[in-house]
């Protein structure tokens, strides 16, 4: 076997996150993420024949989840390909900042799984990758499904609903809240929504489904803004009022936040008039509130022409989230 390489994207927090009904009518945590084309994580898996299959070595600290994911992928890919399983060496390189709610650990995990899959010359479907990712990190983001918006049960690795082909075209001005401090995802996900929230989140689910079908960016923005407000009792953001004021002043259709991190985004209809001027005004108003716009991007993601991250993020921690 030859070394295999895998790539994985990240996301910019959530459009919607809460508690929903699953296929059996039971309350279930779920989320819809806002995809980004960059930054990426790149993984290379080099097999070491004769090494126990569970033994995956990863240089650097804080990569235990990726190592677990690679070992699980080895077992699955060996079974599918009829090849003898073995451990290996996993190298990861990433530009995804840690602890901000961008899905850095899932990006690591997906890149590792894809690198192992390439090494064994197997093709794992997104559903299988999702199950491996959740097994490796307890809760995963749905970035294995690409740009297609899905309501995803992050602790079960299941798609609760495919919401449509793509999000309406939007421009996003992203910034940091909470001084850009890292947030431990598991400490936030341990806080629970109340079961009586189900009706409210099911209503938002229905509105989002309809908005995506109609290509209605304004309605997507309203859903995201309400989800952000509802998240205040789980991970309050002192800057939310300021962000709402900037959104109104600049003609944004809404805002979204990382429900377990410190990124936030102002959402604009990509087809609205004077878009460039609105984006420039948004960045200026954010600066006036002591917030720095760190990224401007479009969704669905564009592979070319996106502005790079323009601020220095906090140093990576050993516990990737």
Protein backbone atom coordinates (compact mmCIF):
# COMPACT_ATOMS: atom_id res chain seq x y z
CA UNK A 1 0.00 0.00 0.00
CA UNK A 2 1.05 3.55 -0.71
CA UNK A 3 0.46 6.61 1.50
CA UNK A 4 -2.95 8.20 1.13
CA UNK A 5 -3.93 11.86 1.35
CA UNK A 6 -7.21 13.43 2.46
CA UNK A 7 -8.55 16.98 2.61
CA UNK A 8 -11.37 18.39 4.74
CA UNK A 9 -13.00 21.80 5.01
CA UNK A 10 -14.48 23.50 8.07
CA UNK A 11 -17.50 25.74 8.72
CA UNK A 12 -18.39 29.12 10.22
CA UNK A 13 -20.55 28.04 13.11
CA UNK A 14 -24.24 27.28 12.82
CA UNK A 15 -27.30 28.64 11.06
CA UNK A 16 -29.53 26.62 13.37
CA UNK A 17 -28.86 24.47 16.41
CA UNK A 18 -31.23 23.08 19.00
CA UNK A 19 -33.43 20.10 19.80
CA UNK A 20 -35.64 18.52 17.13
CA UNK A 21 -37.78 15.45 16.58
CA UNK A 22 -36.12 12.43 15.03
CA UNK A 23 -37.77 9.89 12.71
CA UNK A 24 -39.51 8.30 15.70
CA UNK A 25 -40.75 11.56 17.13
CA UNK A 26 -38.17 11.64 19.94
CA UNK A 27 -36.27 14.82 20.97
CA UNK A 28 -32.80 14.85 19.43
CA UNK A 29 -30.04 17.44 19.32
CA UNK A 30 -29.29 18.68 15.83
CA UNK A 31 -27.63 21.47 13.87
CA UNK A 32 -27.20 23.06 10.44
CA UNK A 33 -23.77 24.52 9.79
CA UNK A 34 -22.63 27.40 7.55
CA UNK A 35 -20.03 25.91 5.18
CA UNK A 36 -16.74 27.52 4.15
CA UNK A 37 -14.34 26.54 1.37
CA UNK A 38 -11.26 27.49 3.40
CA UNK A 39 -9.25 26.95 5.50
CA UNK A 40 -8.58 23.26 4.96
CA UNK A 41 -6.96 20.40 6.85
CA UNK A 42 -4.67 18.04 4.95
CA UNK A 43 -3.82 14.56 6.23
CA UNK A 44 -1.39 11.95 4.98
CA UNK A 45 -1.57 8.37 6.22
CA UNK A 46 1.52 6.20 5.69
CA UNK A 47 0.88 2.50 6.43
CA UNK A 48 3.38 0.60 8.55
CA UNK A 49 2.93 -3.11 7.69
CA UNK A 50 3.25 -5.37 10.72
CA UNK A 51 2.11 -2.62 13.09
CA UNK A 52 -1.05 -3.38 15.12
CA UNK A 53 -4.06 -1.90 13.36
CA UNK A 54 -5.06 0.18 16.36
CA UNK A 55 -1.65 1.85 16.56
CA UNK A 56 -1.70 5.16 14.67
CA UNK A 57 1.08 7.60 15.44
CA UNK A 58 0.38 11.33 15.04
CA UNK A 59 3.19 13.86 15.55
CA UNK A 60 2.19 16.83 17.69
CA UNK A 61 -0.16 17.35 20.62
CA UNK A 62 -3.95 17.37 20.70
CA UNK A 63 -4.57 14.95 17.85
CA UNK A 64 -6.02 12.01 19.78
CA UNK A 65 -9.39 12.30 18.02
CA UNK A 66 -7.77 12.15 14.59
CA UNK A 67 -5.70 9.15 15.67
CA UNK A 68 -8.83 7.34 16.86
CA UNK A 69 -10.61 8.18 13.62
CA UNK A 70 -7.71 6.84 11.55
CA UNK A 71 -7.63 3.58 13.52
CA UNK A 72 -11.39 3.13 13.09
CA UNK A 73 -11.06 3.89 9.38
CA UNK A 74 -8.25 1.34 9.03
CA UNK A 75 -10.49 -1.39 10.42
CA UNK A 76 -13.41 -0.41 8.17
CA UNK A 77 -11.38 0.06 4.99
CA UNK A 78 -9.45 -3.18 5.52
CA UNK A 79 -12.76 -5.01 5.90
CA UNK A 80 -14.21 -3.47 2.75
CA UNK A 81 -11.11 -3.97 0.62
CA UNK A 82 -10.16 -7.42 1.89
CA UNK A 83 -6.72 -6.07 2.82
CA UNK A 84 -4.78 -6.89 5.98
CA UNK A 85 -5.19 -4.09 8.48
CA UNK A 86 -2.14 -2.33 9.87
CA UNK A 87 -1.30 0.79 11.81
CA UNK A 88 0.53 3.74 10.40
CA UNK A 89 1.82 7.26 10.65
CA UNK A 90 -0.66 10.15 10.32
CA UNK A 91 0.57 13.65 9.47
CA UNK A 92 -1.85 16.58 9.77
CA UNK A 93 -1.48 20.17 8.65
CA UNK A 94 -4.26 22.71 9.03
CA UNK A 95 -5.09 26.38 8.87
CA UNK A 96 -8.29 25.96 10.89
CA UNK A 97 -8.12 27.95 14.15
CA UNK A 98 -8.87 25.91 17.27
CA UNK A 99 -11.64 26.41 19.79
CA UNK A 100 -13.59 29.09 17.94
CA UNK A 101 -16.47 26.94 16.72
CA UNK A 102 -15.15 26.37 13.20
CA UNK A 103 -15.18 22.59 13.44
CA UNK A 104 -11.41 22.15 13.71
CA UNK A 105 -11.53 18.69 15.29
CA UNK A 106 -14.04 17.37 12.74
CA UNK A 107 -11.83 18.78 10.00
CA UNK A 108 -8.88 16.82 11.44
CA UNK A 109 -11.00 13.69 11.78
CA UNK A 110 -12.46 13.83 8.25
CA UNK A 111 -9.07 14.46 6.66
CA UNK A 112 -7.65 11.49 8.59
CA UNK A 113 -10.50 9.17 7.53
CA UNK A 114 -10.16 10.25 3.89
CA UNK A 115 -6.40 9.73 3.96
CA UNK A 116 -6.83 6.17 5.26
CA UNK A 117 -9.56 5.54 2.68
CA UNK A 118 -7.23 6.70 -0.10
CA UNK A 119 -4.45 4.50 1.24
CA UNK A 120 -6.71 1.41 1.12
CA UNK A 121 -8.22 2.51 -2.20
CA UNK A 122 -11.73 2.42 -0.81
CA UNK A 123 -14.50 4.98 -1.04
CA UNK A 124 -16.48 5.54 2.12
CA UNK A 125 -19.90 7.21 1.68
CA UNK A 126 -20.65 10.31 3.79
CA UNK A 127 -22.96 8.39 6.11
CA UNK A 128 -20.23 5.88 6.95
CA UNK A 129 -17.73 8.70 7.48
CA UNK A 130 -20.21 10.43 9.79
CA UNK A 131 -20.53 7.34 11.97
CA UNK A 132 -16.76 6.94 12.21
CA UNK A 133 -16.35 10.63 13.05
CA UNK A 134 -18.88 10.50 15.90
CA UNK A 135 -17.26 7.32 17.23
CA UNK A 136 -13.92 9.13 17.27
CA UNK A 137 -14.97 12.46 18.79
CA UNK A 138 -18.39 11.94 20.46
CA UNK A 139 -19.96 14.84 18.55
CA UNK A 140 -19.15 15.77 14.96
CA UNK A 141 -20.10 18.41 12.41
CA UNK A 142 -21.78 17.50 9.09
CA UNK A 143 -18.99 18.78 6.83
CA UNK A 144 -18.59 15.28 5.37
CA UNK A 145 -21.79 16.05 3.40
CA UNK A 146 -20.19 18.99 1.61
CA UNK A 147 -22.11 22.20 0.97
CA UNK A 148 -25.55 20.57 0.95
CA UNK A 149 -27.55 21.89 3.94
CA UNK A 150 -28.59 19.08 6.27
CA UNK A 151 -30.07 18.95 9.76
CA UNK A 152 -27.55 16.68 11.46
CA UNK A 153 -27.74 14.84 14.77
CA UNK A 154 -24.18 15.61 15.85
CA UNK A 155 -24.02 12.98 18.62
CA UNK A 156 -25.63 10.21 16.58
CA UNK A 157 -23.97 10.78 13.21
CA UNK A 158 -27.33 10.80 11.42
CA UNK A 159 -28.97 13.19 8.98
CA UNK A 160 -32.35 14.11 10.43
CA UNK A 161 -33.36 15.89 7.23
CA UNK A 162 -31.89 17.00 3.91
CA UNK A 163 -33.07 20.59 3.69
CA UNK A 164 -32.41 21.26 0.00
CA UNK A 165 -29.76 21.42 -2.69
CA UNK A 166 -27.93 24.53 -1.47
CA UNK A 167 -28.25 27.58 0.72
CA UNK A 168 -29.33 30.79 -1.04
CA UNK A 169 -26.36 32.89 -2.24
CA UNK A 170 -25.18 35.00 0.68
CA UNK A 171 -22.17 37.10 1.61
CA UNK A 172 -20.90 36.72 5.16
CA UNK A 173 -18.77 39.10 7.20
CA UNK A 174 -17.25 37.04 9.98
CA UNK A 175 -15.88 38.36 13.25
CA UNK A 176 -14.80 37.15 16.68
CA UNK A 177 -16.76 37.51 19.91
CA UNK A 178 -15.53 36.93 23.44
CA UNK A 179 -12.12 38.37 22.62
CA UNK A 180 -11.44 35.37 20.41
CA UNK A 181 -11.06 33.08 23.42
CA UNK A 182 -11.14 29.36 22.75
CA UNK A 183 -14.23 27.46 23.90
CA UNK A 184 -14.31 23.81 24.91
CA UNK A 185 -17.00 22.25 22.73
CA UNK A 186 -17.76 19.43 25.15
CA UNK A 187 -18.28 21.87 28.03
CA UNK A 188 -20.97 23.63 25.99
CA UNK A 189 -22.64 20.53 24.57
CA UNK A 190 -23.07 19.29 28.12
CA UNK A 191 -25.61 22.08 28.64
CA UNK A 192 -29.01 20.97 27.46
CA UNK A 193 -32.01 22.50 25.76
CA UNK A 194 -35.33 22.00 27.48
CA UNK A 195 -37.71 19.52 25.92
CA UNK A 196 -40.36 22.24 25.74
CA UNK A 197 -38.05 23.97 23.23
CA UNK A 198 -38.89 21.32 20.64
CA UNK A 199 -41.91 23.17 19.23
CA UNK A 200 -39.88 26.35 18.74
CA UNK A 201 -37.03 24.55 17.02
CA UNK A 202 -39.36 22.49 14.86
CA UNK A 203 -40.91 25.79 13.72
CA UNK A 204 -37.45 27.12 12.81
CA UNK A 205 -36.68 23.87 11.01
CA UNK A 206 -39.81 24.28 8.90
CA UNK A 207 -39.02 27.94 8.15
CA UNK A 208 -35.46 27.06 7.13
CA UNK A 209 -36.62 24.24 4.85
CA UNK A 210 -39.05 26.61 3.12
CA UNK A 211 -36.46 29.38 2.86
CA UNK A 212 -33.90 27.10 1.21
CA UNK A 213 -36.51 25.77 -1.24
CA UNK A 214 -37.48 29.34 -2.17
CA UNK A 215 -33.90 30.64 -2.27
CA UNK A 216 -34.92 33.23 0.34
CA UNK A 217 -31.75 34.58 1.96
CA UNK A 218 -33.71 37.00 4.15
CA UNK A 219 -35.69 34.18 5.74
CA UNK A 220 -32.51 32.15 6.28
CA UNK A 221 -31.09 35.21 8.04
CA UNK A 222 -34.12 35.51 10.31
CA UNK A 223 -33.92 31.84 11.28
CA UNK A 224 -30.21 32.14 12.04
CA UNK A 225 -30.74 35.28 14.12
CA UNK A 226 -33.47 33.65 16.22
CA UNK A 227 -31.29 30.59 16.77
CA UNK A 228 -28.47 32.88 17.91
CA UNK A 229 -30.77 34.62 20.40
CA UNK A 230 -32.03 31.30 21.75
CA UNK A 231 -28.44 30.17 22.27
CA UNK A 232 -27.80 33.04 24.68
CA UNK A 233 -28.79 30.97 27.72
CA UNK A 234 -26.30 28.23 26.76
CA UNK A 235 -23.31 30.27 25.55
CA UNK A 236 -24.13 33.97 25.98
CA UNK A 237 -22.36 36.46 23.74
CA UNK A 238 -22.08 39.93 25.24
CA UNK A 239 -21.72 41.38 21.74
CA UNK A 240 -25.00 40.00 20.37
CA UNK A 241 -26.87 43.29 20.82
CA UNK A 242 -24.11 45.17 19.01
CA UNK A 243 -24.13 42.63 16.18
CA UNK A 244 -27.90 43.00 15.81
CA UNK A 245 -27.50 46.78 15.64
CA UNK A 246 -24.82 46.52 12.95
CA UNK A 247 -27.00 44.12 10.98
CA UNK A 248 -29.92 46.57 11.01
CA UNK A 249 -27.75 49.58 10.12
CA UNK A 250 -26.07 47.87 7.17
CA UNK A 251 -29.07 46.11 5.69
CA UNK A 252 -27.90 42.60 6.58
CA UNK A 253 -30.59 39.94 6.35
CA UNK A 254 -29.53 38.45 9.67
CA UNK A 255 -26.66 37.08 11.70
CA UNK A 256 -25.38 33.71 12.82
CA UNK A 257 -23.08 32.48 15.55
CA UNK A 258 -21.04 29.47 16.51
CA UNK A 259 -23.29 27.91 19.13
CA UNK A 260 -20.25 26.36 20.83
CA UNK A 261 -17.57 28.87 19.87
CA UNK A 262 -16.73 32.54 19.46
CA UNK A 263 -17.19 33.28 15.76
CA UNK A 264 -20.18 35.19 14.43
CA UNK A 265 -21.24 36.32 10.97
CA UNK A 266 -23.39 39.07 9.49
CA UNK A 267 -25.43 37.66 6.59
CA UNK A 268 -26.19 39.59 3.40
CA UNK A 269 -28.25 38.60 0.37
CA UNK A 270 -25.59 38.21 -2.34
CA UNK A 271 -27.97 39.75 -4.88
CA UNK A 272 -28.91 42.90 -2.99
CA UNK A 273 -28.02 46.34 -4.33
CA UNK A 274 -24.79 48.08 -3.35
CA UNK A 275 -23.50 44.90 -1.73
CA UNK A 276 -19.84 45.92 -1.70
CA UNK A 277 -20.67 49.21 0.00
CA UNK A 278 -22.81 47.42 2.58
CA UNK A 279 -19.98 45.01 3.36
CA UNK A 280 -17.50 47.88 3.73
CA UNK A 281 -19.92 49.70 6.05
CA UNK A 282 -20.43 46.52 8.05
CA UNK A 283 -16.71 46.09 8.64
CA UNK A 284 -16.38 49.73 9.66
CA UNK A 285 -19.29 49.52 12.11
CA UNK A 286 -17.88 46.33 13.62
CA UNK A 287 -14.60 48.16 14.25
CA UNK A 288 -16.59 50.91 15.94
CA UNK A 289 -17.84 48.31 18.44
CA UNK A 290 -14.35 46.95 19.02
CA UNK A 291 -14.94 43.92 16.78
CA UNK A 292 -12.68 43.05 13.88
CA UNK A 293 -14.02 41.53 10.69
CA UNK A 294 -11.69 38.59 10.14
CA UNK A 295 -13.16 37.05 7.02
CA UNK A 296 -15.56 37.88 4.20
CA UNK A 297 -16.82 34.94 2.17
CA UNK A 298 -19.77 33.72 0.16
CA UNK A 299 -22.07 30.79 0.52
CA UNK A 300 -22.39 28.47 -1.27
CA UNK A 301 -18.59 28.52 -0.88
CA UNK A 302 -16.41 29.81 -3.68
CA UNK A 303 -13.02 28.22 -4.19
CA UNK A 304 -11.50 31.32 -5.74
CA UNK A 305 -11.39 34.93 -4.69
CA UNK A 306 -12.15 34.54 -1.00
CA UNK A 307 -10.45 36.94 1.34
CA UNK A 308 -7.98 35.31 3.73
CA UNK A 309 -8.10 35.46 7.50
CA UNK A 310 -6.68 38.84 8.40
CA UNK A 311 -6.14 38.63 12.15
CA UNK A 312 -3.89 36.58 14.35
CA UNK A 313 -5.90 33.94 16.15
CA UNK A 314 -5.17 32.61 19.64
CA UNK A 315 -2.56 29.91 19.87
CA UNK A 316 -3.81 26.37 19.39
CA UNK A 317 -4.66 24.41 22.48
CA UNK A 318 -4.01 20.75 23.06
CA UNK A 319 -7.77 20.09 23.15
CA UNK A 320 -9.01 20.69 19.63
CA UNK A 321 -12.74 21.42 19.42
